[in-house]
C-alpha atoms as a PDB file:
ATOM      1  CA  MET A   1     113.132 208.352 104.408  1.00  0.00           C
ATOM      2  CA  ASN A   2     116.754 207.575 105.185  1.00  0.00           C
ATOM      3  CA  VAL A   3     118.984 208.771 102.338  1.00  0.00           C
ATOM      4  CA  LEU A   4     122.671 207.945 101.926  1.00  0.00           C
ATOM      5  CA  PHE A   5     124.935 209.722  99.428  1.00  0.00           C
ATOM      6  CA  LEU A   6     128.191 208.037  98.454  1.00  0.00           C
ATOM      7  CA  CYS A   7     131.297 209.124  96.562  1.00  0.00           C
ATOM      8  CA  SER A   8     134.901 207.920  96.777  1.00  0.00           C
ATOM      9  CA  ALA A   9     136.503 209.971  99.555  1.00  0.00           C
ATOM     10  CA  ASN A  10     133.524 211.686 101.199  1.00  0.00           C
ATOM     11  CA  ARG A  11     135.303 215.021 100.732  1.00  0.00           C
ATOM     12  CA  ASP A  12     133.441 216.884  97.993  1.00  0.00           C
ATOM     13  CA  ARG A  13     130.437 215.341  96.258  1.00  0.00           C
ATOM     14  CA  SER A  14     128.650 213.306  98.916  1.00  0.00           C
ATOM     15  CA  PRO A  15     129.123 215.815 101.783  1.00  0.00           C
ATOM     16  CA  THR A  16     127.785 218.534  99.473  1.00  0.00           C
ATOM     17  CA  ALA A  17     124.760 216.376  98.667  1.00  0.00           C
ATOM     18  CA  GLU A  18     124.215 215.739 102.374  1.00  0.00           C
ATOM     19  CA  GLN A  19     124.317 219.459 103.089  1.00  0.00           C
ATOM     20  CA  VAL A  20     122.041 220.390 100.162  1.00  0.00           C
ATOM     21  CA  PHE A  21     119.322 217.829 100.857  1.00  0.00           C
ATOM     22  CA  ARG A  22     119.358 217.697 104.657  1.00  0.00           C
ATOM     23  CA  ASP A  23     116.393 220.058 104.898  1.00  0.00           C
ATOM     24  CA  VAL A  24     114.084 218.115 102.539  1.00  0.00           C
ATOM     25  CA  PRO A  25     111.028 217.373 104.695  1.00  0.00           C
ATOM     26  CA  GLY A  26     110.934 213.750 105.820  1.00  0.00           C
ATOM     27  CA  TRP A  27     114.509 212.991 104.774  1.00  0.00           C
ATOM     28  CA  TYR A  28     117.271 211.918 107.124  1.00  0.00           C
ATOM     29  CA  VAL A  29     120.498 212.323 105.178  1.00  0.00           C
ATOM     30  CA  ARG A  30     124.025 210.989 105.639  1.00  0.00           C
ATOM     31  CA  SER A  31     127.094 210.691 103.430  1.00  0.00           C
ATOM     32  CA  ALA A  32     130.135 208.461 103.230  1.00  0.00           C
ATOM     33  CA  GLY A  33     132.899 207.318 100.913  1.00  0.00           C
ATOM     34  CA  THR A  34     133.564 203.931  99.375  1.00  0.00           C
ATOM     35  CA  GLU A  35     137.381 204.038  99.540  1.00  0.00           C
ATOM     36  CA  SER A  36     139.558 203.072 102.512  1.00  0.00           C
ATOM     37  CA  TYR A  37     140.912 206.650 102.699  1.00  0.00           C
ATOM     38  CA  ALA A  38     137.425 208.220 102.905  1.00  0.00           C
ATOM     39  CA  GLU A  39     136.810 210.738 105.672  1.00  0.00           C
ATOM     40  CA  THR A  40     133.782 208.636 106.663  1.00  0.00           C
ATOM     41  CA  GLN A  41     133.942 205.175 105.150  1.00  0.00           C
ATOM     42  CA  VAL A  42     130.671 203.469 104.291  1.00  0.00           C
ATOM     43  CA  THR A  43     129.710 200.536 106.503  1.00  0.00           C
ATOM     44  CA  LYS A  44     127.224 197.687 106.238  1.00  0.00           C
ATOM     45  CA  GLU A  45     125.243 199.351 109.039  1.00  0.00           C
ATOM     46  CA  MET A  46     124.934 202.577 107.030  1.00  0.00           C
ATOM     47  CA  LEU A  47     123.770 200.647 103.981  1.00  0.00           C
ATOM     48  CA  ASP A  48     121.187 198.756 106.039  1.00  0.00           C
ATOM     49  CA  TRP A  49     119.993 202.059 107.577  1.00  0.00           C
ATOM     50  CA  ALA A  50     119.391 203.668 104.178  1.00  0.00           C
ATOM     51  CA  ASP A  51     116.068 203.446 102.353  1.00  0.00           C
ATOM     52  CA  ARG A  52     117.667 205.027  99.258  1.00  0.00           C
ATOM     53  CA  ILE A  53     121.340 205.089  98.304  1.00  0.00           C
ATOM     54  CA  PHE A  54     122.585 207.595  95.734  1.00  0.00           C
ATOM     55  CA  VAL A  55     126.060 206.924  94.360  1.00  0.00           C
ATOM     56  CA  MET A  56     127.970 209.381  92.239  1.00  0.00           C
ATOM     57  CA  GLU A  57     129.481 206.860  89.792  1.00  0.00           C
ATOM     58  CA  GLU A  58     129.044 203.238  88.731  1.00  0.00           C
ATOM     59  CA  ARG A  59     132.234 202.202  90.528  1.00  0.00           C
ATOM     60  CA  HIS A  60     130.591 203.243  93.801  1.00  0.00           C
ATOM     61  CA  LEU A  61     127.664 200.935  93.059  1.00  0.00           C
ATOM     62  CA  LYS A  62     130.108 198.046  92.648  1.00  0.00           C
ATOM     63  CA  SER A  63     131.715 198.877  95.999  1.00  0.00           C
ATOM     64  CA  VAL A  64     128.333 198.949  97.727  1.00  0.00           C
ATOM     65  CA  VAL A  65     127.209 195.654  96.210  1.00  0.00           C
ATOM     66  CA  ALA A  66     130.478 194.055  97.373  1.00  0.00           C
ATOM     67  CA  ILE A  67     129.595 195.049 100.942  1.00  0.00           C
ATOM     68  CA  CYS A  68     125.842 194.467 100.760  1.00  0.00           C
ATOM     69  CA  PRO A  69     124.509 192.560  97.723  1.00  0.00           C
ATOM     70  CA  SER A  70     120.916 192.925  98.943  1.00  0.00           C
ATOM     71  CA  CYS A  71     121.224 196.741  98.712  1.00  0.00           C
ATOM     72  CA  LEU A  72     121.247 196.747  94.898  1.00  0.00           C
ATOM     73  CA  ALA A  73     117.534 197.620  94.655  1.00  0.00           C
ATOM     74  CA  LYS A  74     118.058 200.750  96.811  1.00  0.00           C
ATOM     75  CA  ILE A  75     120.878 202.213  94.693  1.00  0.00           C
ATOM     76  CA  THR A  76     120.631 204.957  92.075  1.00  0.00           C
ATOM     77  CA  ILE A  77     123.650 206.154  90.103  1.00  0.00           C
ATOM     78  CA  LEU A  78     123.692 209.943  89.738  1.00  0.00           C
ATOM     79  CA  GLY A  79     126.476 210.048  87.155  1.00  0.00           C
ATOM     80  CA  ILE A  80     128.413 212.937  88.703  1.00  0.00           C
ATOM     81  CA  GLU A  81     132.136 212.740  87.977  1.00  0.00           C
ATOM     82  CA  ASP A  82     134.801 213.752  90.480  1.00  0.00           C
ATOM     83  CA  GLU A  83     135.517 217.163  88.966  1.00  0.00           C
ATOM     84  CA  TYR A  84     133.814 219.533  91.398  1.00  0.00           C
ATOM     85  CA  SER A  85     134.998 221.120  94.601  1.00  0.00           C
ATOM     86  CA  ARG A  86     132.990 220.864  97.782  1.00  0.00           C
ATOM     87  CA  ASN A  87     129.922 223.120  97.871  1.00  0.00           C
ATOM     88  CA  SER A  88     130.657 224.636  94.450  1.00  0.00           C
ATOM     89  CA  ALA A  89     127.647 226.207  92.753  1.00  0.00           C
ATOM     90  CA  ARG A  90     128.107 223.926  89.735  1.00  0.00           C
ATOM     91  CA  LEU A  91     128.050 220.805  91.928  1.00  0.00           C
ATOM     92  CA  VAL A  92     125.012 222.011  93.874  1.00  0.00           C
ATOM     93  CA  GLY A  93     123.153 222.761  90.644  1.00  0.00           C
ATOM     94  CA  LYS A  94     124.034 219.397  89.128  1.00  0.00           C
ATOM     95  CA  LEU A  95     122.970 217.527  92.271  1.00  0.00           C
ATOM     96  CA  ILE A  96     119.619 219.298  92.347  1.00  0.00           C
ATOM     97  CA  LEU A  97     118.982 218.721  88.650  1.00  0.00           C
ATOM     98  CA  LYS A  98     119.848 215.017  88.899  1.00  0.00           C
ATOM     99  CA  MET A  99     117.803 214.457  92.052  1.00  0.00           C
ATOM    100  CA  ALA A 100     114.789 216.379  90.704  1.00  0.00           C
ATOM    101  CA  ASN A 101     114.615 213.901  87.825  1.00  0.00           C
ATOM    102  CA  ILE A 102     114.604 210.938  90.224  1.00  0.00           C
ATOM    103  CA  VAL A 103     112.470 211.922  93.209  1.00  0.00           C
ATOM    104  CA  ALA A 104     109.592 214.363  93.677  1.00  0.00           C
ATOM    105  CA  LEU A 105     111.217 217.577  94.897  1.00  0.00           C
ATOM    106  CA  ASP A 106     109.063 220.248  93.229  1.00  0.00           C
ATOM    107  CA  GLU A 107     107.685 221.759  96.435  1.00  0.00           C
ATOM    108  CA  TRP A 108     111.067 221.743  98.175  1.00  0.00           C
ATOM    109  CA  ILE A 109     112.737 223.253  95.100  1.00  0.00           C
ATOM    110  CA  ALA A 110     110.094 225.973  94.878  1.00  0.00           C
ATOM    111  CA  GLN A 111     110.690 226.926  98.515  1.00  0.00           C
ATOM    112  CA  ARG A 112     114.458 226.551  98.398  1.00  0.00           C
ATOM    113  CA  PHE A 113     114.864 228.741  95.331  1.00  0.00           C
ATOM    114  CA  ASP A 114     111.991 231.078  96.104  1.00  0.00           C
ATOM    115  CA  LEU A 115     110.293 230.095  92.833  1.00  0.00           C
ATOM    116  CA  ASP A 116     106.774 231.084  91.887  1.00  0.00           C
ATOM    117  CA  SER A 117     104.543 228.187  92.987  1.00  0.00           C
ATOM    118  CA  HIS A 118     102.244 228.704  89.993  1.00  0.00           C
ATOM    119  CA  ALA A 119     105.061 228.524  87.448  1.00  0.00           C
ATOM    120  CA  GLY A 120     103.866 225.246  85.957  1.00  0.00           C
ATOM    121  CA  GLU A 121     100.343 226.579  85.416  1.00  0.00           C
ATOM    122  CA  VAL A 122     101.408 229.731  83.614  1.00  0.00           C
ATOM    123  CA  GLY A 123     104.162 228.037  81.634  1.00  0.00           C
ATOM    124  CA  MET A 124     106.926 230.166  83.122  1.00  0.00           C
ATOM    125  CA  ALA A 125     109.379 229.493  85.900  1.00  0.00           C
ATOM    126  CA  LYS A 126     110.329 232.620  87.749  1.00  0.00           C
ATOM    127  CA  CYS A 127     113.106 233.053  90.234  1.00  0.00           C
ATOM    128  CA  LYS A 128     111.671 235.904  92.277  1.00  0.00           C
ATOM    129  CA  LYS A 129     113.696 239.063  92.668  1.00  0.00           C
ATOM    130  CA  THR A 130     116.640 237.771  90.646  1.00  0.00           C
ATOM    131  CA  GLU A 131     114.960 238.885  87.400  1.00  0.00           C
ATOM    132  CA  PHE A 132     115.466 235.493  85.793  1.00  0.00           C
ATOM    133  CA  TYR A 133     112.674 233.985  83.704  1.00  0.00           C
ATOM    134  CA  THR A 134     112.515 230.899  81.507  1.00  0.00           C
ATOM    135  CA  GLU A 135     109.792 229.036  79.651  1.00  0.00           C
ATOM    136  CA  GLU A 136     108.608 225.717  81.025  1.00  0.00           C
ATOM    137  CA  ASN A 137     110.575 222.691  79.890  1.00  0.00           C
ATOM    138  CA  PRO A 138     108.569 219.583  78.858  1.00  0.00           C
ATOM    139  CA  SER A 139     110.627 217.427  81.208  1.00  0.00           C
ATOM    140  CA  GLY A 140     109.256 219.274  84.235  1.00  0.00           C
ATOM    141  CA  PRO A 141     108.293 222.748  85.371  1.00  0.00           C
ATOM    142  CA  TRP A 142     111.480 223.367  87.324  1.00  0.00           C
ATOM    143  CA  SER A 143     114.199 221.608  85.353  1.00  0.00           C
ATOM    144  CA  ARG A 144     114.966 224.415  82.911  1.00  0.00           C
ATOM    145  CA  ALA A 145     114.682 227.061  85.600  1.00  0.00           C
ATOM    146  CA  LEU A 146     117.152 225.162  87.752  1.00  0.00           C
ATOM    147  CA  ARG A 147     119.522 224.731  84.828  1.00  0.00           C
ATOM    148  CA  GLY A 148     119.451 228.471  84.313  1.00  0.00           C
ATOM    149  CA  ILE A 149     119.960 229.151  87.999  1.00  0.00           C
ATOM    150  CA  ARG A 150     122.929 226.778  88.059  1.00  0.00           C
ATOM    151  CA  GLU A 151     124.468 228.378  84.977  1.00  0.00           C
ATOM    152  CA  LYS A 152     123.976 231.867  86.336  1.00  0.00           C
ATOM    153  CA  ALA A 153     125.484 230.914  89.691  1.00  0.00           C
ATOM    154  CA  ALA A 154     128.444 229.318  87.952  1.00  0.00           C
ATOM    155  CA  SER A 155     129.007 232.332  85.729  1.00  0.00           C
ATOM    156  CA  ASP A 156     131.025 235.276  86.936  1.00  0.00           C
ATOM    157  CA  ARG A 157     129.722 236.663  90.178  1.00  0.00           C
ATOM    158  CA  LEU A 158     125.949 236.416  89.770  1.00  0.00           C
ATOM    159  CA  ILE A 159     124.479 237.377  93.131  1.00  0.00           C
ATOM    160  CA  PRO A 160     120.670 237.530  93.450  1.00  0.00           C
ATOM    161  CA  THR A 161     119.183 240.768  94.738  1.00  0.00           C
ATOM    162  CA  SER A 162     116.826 239.450  97.426  1.00  0.00           C
ATOM    163  CA  ALA A 163     118.454 239.078 100.844  1.00  0.00           C
ATOM    164  CA  ARG A 164     117.119 235.530 101.259  1.00  0.00           C
ATOM    165  CA  ALA A 165     118.374 234.303  97.885  1.00  0.00           C
ATOM    166  CA  ARG A 166     121.656 236.183  98.238  1.00  0.00           C
ATOM    167  CA  SER A 167     122.468 234.625 101.614  1.00  0.00           C
ATOM    168  CA  TRP A 168     121.681 231.132 100.289  1.00  0.00           C
ATOM    169  CA  TRP A 169     123.840 231.558  97.175  1.00  0.00           C
ATOM    170  CA  MET A 170     126.694 233.129  99.102  1.00  0.00           C
ATOM    171  CA  GLY A 171     126.821 229.970 101.182  1.00  0.00           C
ATOM    172  CA  TRP A 172     127.290 227.852  98.048  1.00  0.00           C
ATOM    173  CA  LEU A 173     129.559 229.971  95.881  1.00  0.00           C
ATOM    174  CA  VAL A 174     133.167 228.906  96.041  1.00  0.00           C
END
């Protein structure tokens, strides 16, 4: 699936989304901006290439529809305001939470965060070796766990203890 993430300037939100989701199996991910000053400005060719288009705000949807009215059915608004710096833990967490409610990412999330694959069955989500546990949320087995992970990463200096988790988080902490 070809996935395109769009924000205004292609400096913070959409490049972060591209980086976060580029290793989802079967996804080919790009990012661009809707404004003339964007680092990579969205083109009609990019919009035609994309199977799914995720825009950060409603104004981005309007910009896309102005370029390609037939793309409307491919667009999803994530509702992420321009208040995050590139690759910040809070932005990464918010992107993952929003996307997990739109597309099936459970297996990828479990691998990416080293979560217990049986968490849904036992009613607990467990982030291995970071000693973080949370009860299952009715909206999905991973949503509450991810919210907790995001909050912990955003709080002062939480670094997981496992080498794998630590190296991943270090790459995202600002």
